[in-house]
Amino acid sequence: MSRWVLALLVTSCTRPAPPPAPAAKPPPLFTIRDDAFGPLSAKTPATLAALRRVFAGYDVVPVNDEGVEYRVSKAGAKLFEVIPDDTGAILNIHVVTPEVEIAGHAWRVGAPFRDVDTNTTCECWGDQTVCFKAGDHVAVALSKICREGTLTSMRARRALVGLPIRVAIWSPRPLAPGGYGEPAPAAEAP
């Protein structure tokens, strides 16, 4: 048998190596859902002791920024801040890392904003441009300084498309225009 025939038999009997498996996507650090932010729910107190217990292994420190907030970090990297309301409950959480996933949305910190048609409200929270759908529990702050009254038209909101998401915001209470995640004011009696 010639070497050529032997080489043909050997190469035709071997299988090519399988392609390498795609790199496994690391699991999210936490997931935001309407009813929870990772291990936190509406019933979790926004106190230093409670947050340190829930986030054992993370650095949880109080920060005074126009009131006490709790910054949660890991290995020196800031992940999010828990903002309490006046009663000590969670008002909202501001996420600054792309490692947190948002269920039901393609939003991630650092990703471009695309959902202007499904968000019914874009407004100024301080100097932040914040967009959300009324009644949802998740909002995003965009990399654009906000000036009061500039986001009421669809044209103004469409101008936000493509801006990077700077912060993802979770509120245990449904969001409403002008509400910052706060409960809606009670109607006055006639």
Protein backbone atom coordinates (compact mmCIF):
# COMPACT_ATOMS: atom_id res chain seq x y z
CA MET A 1 0.00 0.00 0.00
CA SER A 2 1.43 3.32 -0.93
CA ARG A 3 2.05 6.02 1.59
CA TRP A 4 -0.45 8.23 -0.20
CA VAL A 5 -3.28 5.72 0.29
CA LEU A 6 -2.27 5.17 3.92
CA ALA A 7 -2.28 8.92 4.57
CA LEU A 8 -5.71 9.21 2.94
CA LEU A 9 -7.09 6.45 5.16
CA VAL A 10 -5.68 8.00 8.33
CA THR A 11 -6.99 11.50 7.57
CA SER A 12 -10.43 10.28 6.50
CA CYS A 13 -10.87 8.27 9.70
CA THR A 14 -10.11 11.11 12.07
CA ARG A 15 -12.66 13.68 13.14
CA PRO A 16 -11.90 17.33 13.33
CA ALA A 17 -11.63 18.72 16.83
CA PRO A 18 -14.91 20.20 18.06
CA PRO A 19 -15.02 23.98 18.17
CA PRO A 20 -14.22 25.44 21.56
CA ALA A 21 -17.21 26.00 23.80
CA PRO A 22 -18.24 29.64 24.10
CA ALA A 23 -17.04 31.32 27.24
CA ALA A 24 -19.62 30.91 29.97
CA LYS A 25 -21.36 34.18 30.83
CA PRO A 26 -20.78 34.87 34.50
CA PRO A 27 -23.97 34.94 36.52
CA PRO A 28 -25.21 38.40 37.46
CA LEU A 29 -24.14 39.78 40.81
CA PHE A 30 -27.82 40.46 41.60
CA THR A 31 -31.04 40.63 39.62
CA ILE A 32 -33.58 43.42 39.88
CA ARG A 33 -37.20 42.30 39.69
CA ASP A 34 -40.36 44.29 40.41
CA ASP A 35 -40.66 42.70 43.85
CA ALA A 36 -36.98 42.58 44.86
CA PHE A 37 -33.45 43.77 44.38
CA GLY A 38 -31.41 40.60 44.81
CA PRO A 39 -31.92 39.60 48.46
CA LEU A 40 -33.75 42.83 49.38
CA SER A 41 -37.50 43.29 49.34
CA ALA A 42 -39.86 46.08 50.34
CA LYS A 43 -39.85 44.63 53.87
CA THR A 44 -36.06 44.87 54.33
CA PRO A 45 -35.21 47.80 56.61
CA ALA A 46 -32.78 50.34 55.19
CA THR A 47 -30.54 50.31 58.25
CA LEU A 48 -26.81 49.75 58.51
CA ALA A 49 -27.26 46.62 60.66
CA ALA A 50 -29.84 45.04 58.35
CA LEU A 51 -27.87 45.78 55.19
CA ARG A 52 -24.60 44.47 56.65
CA ARG A 53 -26.41 41.27 57.63
CA VAL A 54 -27.92 40.82 54.14
CA PHE A 55 -24.71 41.77 52.32
CA ALA A 56 -22.21 39.84 54.46
CA GLY A 57 -18.89 39.79 52.61
CA TYR A 58 -19.51 43.22 51.06
CA ASP A 59 -18.47 46.61 52.40
CA VAL A 60 -21.57 48.51 53.57
CA VAL A 61 -20.85 52.02 54.80
CA PRO A 62 -23.05 55.00 55.64
CA VAL A 63 -22.51 58.07 53.46
CA ASN A 64 -23.97 61.48 54.23
CA ASP A 65 -25.13 62.94 50.91
CA GLU A 66 -28.00 65.30 51.78
CA GLY A 67 -29.07 62.58 54.21
CA VAL A 68 -27.76 59.15 55.12
CA GLU A 69 -27.38 56.60 52.32
CA TYR A 70 -25.66 53.22 52.42
CA ARG A 71 -22.96 52.49 49.86
CA VAL A 72 -22.34 48.83 49.05
CA SER A 73 -18.93 47.95 47.56
CA LYS A 74 -16.84 44.85 46.91
CA ALA A 75 -13.03 44.93 46.82
CA GLY A 76 -13.14 48.75 46.59
CA ALA A 77 -15.55 48.83 43.62
CA LYS A 78 -18.77 50.76 44.27
CA LEU A 79 -21.80 48.64 43.30
CA PHE A 80 -24.89 50.47 44.51
CA GLU A 81 -26.37 52.77 47.11
CA VAL A 82 -29.43 52.11 49.25
CA ILE A 83 -31.42 55.27 49.92
CA PRO A 84 -33.76 55.09 52.92
CA ASP A 85 -36.97 57.07 53.27
CA ASP A 86 -37.96 59.02 56.38
CA THR A 87 -39.39 55.89 58.04
CA GLY A 88 -36.23 53.76 57.60
CA ALA A 89 -37.67 51.71 54.72
CA ILE A 90 -35.98 51.49 51.33
CA LEU A 91 -36.93 54.45 49.14
CA ASN A 92 -34.81 53.23 46.22
CA ILE A 93 -31.51 51.68 45.23
CA HIS A 94 -29.11 53.27 42.73
CA VAL A 95 -26.99 50.70 40.87
CA VAL A 96 -23.74 51.81 39.21
CA THR A 97 -22.31 48.47 38.05
CA PRO A 98 -23.14 46.56 34.86
CA GLU A 99 -22.93 43.34 36.87
CA VAL A 100 -26.55 43.74 38.01
CA GLU A 101 -29.19 42.34 35.67
CA ILE A 102 -32.69 43.79 35.27
CA ALA A 103 -35.38 41.16 34.67
CA GLY A 104 -37.77 42.08 31.88
CA HIS A 105 -35.50 44.78 30.42
CA ALA A 106 -32.41 44.83 28.22
CA TRP A 107 -31.09 47.63 30.42
CA ARG A 108 -27.60 47.51 31.93
CA VAL A 109 -25.46 50.25 33.38
CA GLY A 110 -23.18 51.44 30.57
CA ALA A 111 -25.44 50.14 27.77
CA PRO A 112 -27.18 52.56 25.41
CA PHE A 113 -30.75 53.54 26.23
CA ARG A 114 -33.22 52.28 23.60
CA ASP A 115 -36.68 51.97 25.17
CA VAL A 116 -38.05 55.49 24.77
CA ASP A 117 -41.33 54.22 23.24
CA THR A 118 -42.15 51.90 26.15
CA ASN A 119 -41.26 54.39 28.87
CA THR A 120 -44.12 56.74 29.59
CA THR A 121 -42.10 59.16 31.70
CA CYS A 122 -38.70 60.83 31.41
CA GLU A 123 -38.16 63.55 33.97
CA CYS A 124 -35.60 65.36 36.07
CA TRP A 125 -34.73 63.88 39.45
CA GLY A 126 -32.46 66.64 40.66
CA ASP A 127 -30.08 67.04 37.71
CA GLN A 128 -30.49 63.41 36.58
CA THR A 129 -32.48 62.46 33.47
CA VAL A 130 -34.56 59.49 34.64
CA CYS A 131 -36.87 57.35 32.46
CA PHE A 132 -39.41 54.72 33.51
CA LYS A 133 -42.84 53.35 32.79
CA ALA A 134 -45.39 54.58 35.32
CA GLY A 135 -46.33 51.75 37.67
CA ASP A 136 -43.04 49.84 37.19
CA HIS A 137 -40.40 49.50 39.89
CA VAL A 138 -37.31 50.08 37.73
CA ALA A 139 -35.98 53.28 36.19
CA VAL A 140 -32.74 54.32 34.53
CA ALA A 141 -30.74 57.53 34.87
CA LEU A 142 -29.01 58.56 31.67
CA SER A 143 -25.72 60.33 31.06
CA LYS A 144 -27.37 63.68 30.42
CA ILE A 145 -27.81 66.62 32.77
CA CYS A 146 -31.52 67.32 33.09
CA ARG A 147 -33.15 70.70 32.88
CA GLU A 148 -36.70 70.91 34.21
CA GLY A 149 -39.41 70.84 31.54
CA THR A 150 -37.28 69.53 28.69
CA LEU A 151 -38.58 65.94 28.51
CA THR A 152 -42.31 66.29 28.11
CA SER A 153 -42.54 65.74 24.34
CA MET A 154 -41.90 62.50 22.48
CA ARG A 155 -39.35 64.41 20.39
CA ALA A 156 -37.38 65.35 23.52
CA ARG A 157 -37.53 61.75 24.77
CA ARG A 158 -36.40 60.35 21.39
CA ALA A 159 -33.29 62.55 21.68
CA LEU A 160 -32.30 60.35 24.64
CA VAL A 161 -31.96 57.20 22.50
CA GLY A 162 -28.37 55.96 22.46
CA LEU A 163 -27.28 57.81 25.60
CA PRO A 164 -25.45 55.55 28.05
CA ILE A 165 -27.34 54.31 31.08
CA ARG A 166 -25.47 55.75 34.06
CA VAL A 167 -27.55 54.32 36.91
CA ALA A 168 -30.28 51.69 37.25
CA ILE A 169 -32.82 52.49 39.96
CA TRP A 170 -35.06 50.06 41.85
CA SER A 171 -37.97 51.19 43.98
CA PRO A 172 -40.02 48.84 46.16
CA ARG A 173 -43.01 51.09 45.41
CA PRO A 174 -44.42 51.62 41.91
CA LEU A 175 -42.94 54.66 40.22
CA ALA A 176 -45.14 57.61 39.28
CA PRO A 177 -44.36 60.86 37.53
CA GLY A 178 -42.90 63.32 40.02
CA GLY A 179 -42.70 60.65 42.70
CA TYR A 180 -39.03 59.58 43.08
CA GLY A 181 -40.47 56.19 44.09
CA GLU A 182 -42.35 57.77 46.96
CA PRO A 183 -45.92 56.81 47.72
CA ALA A 184 -48.44 58.97 45.88
CA PRO A 185 -49.86 61.73 48.07
CA ALA A 186 -53.26 60.97 49.55
CA ALA A 187 -56.18 62.74 47.95
CA GLU A 188 -57.55 65.57 50.01
CA ALA A 189 -61.03 65.16 51.40
CA PRO A 190 -63.63 67.50 49.84
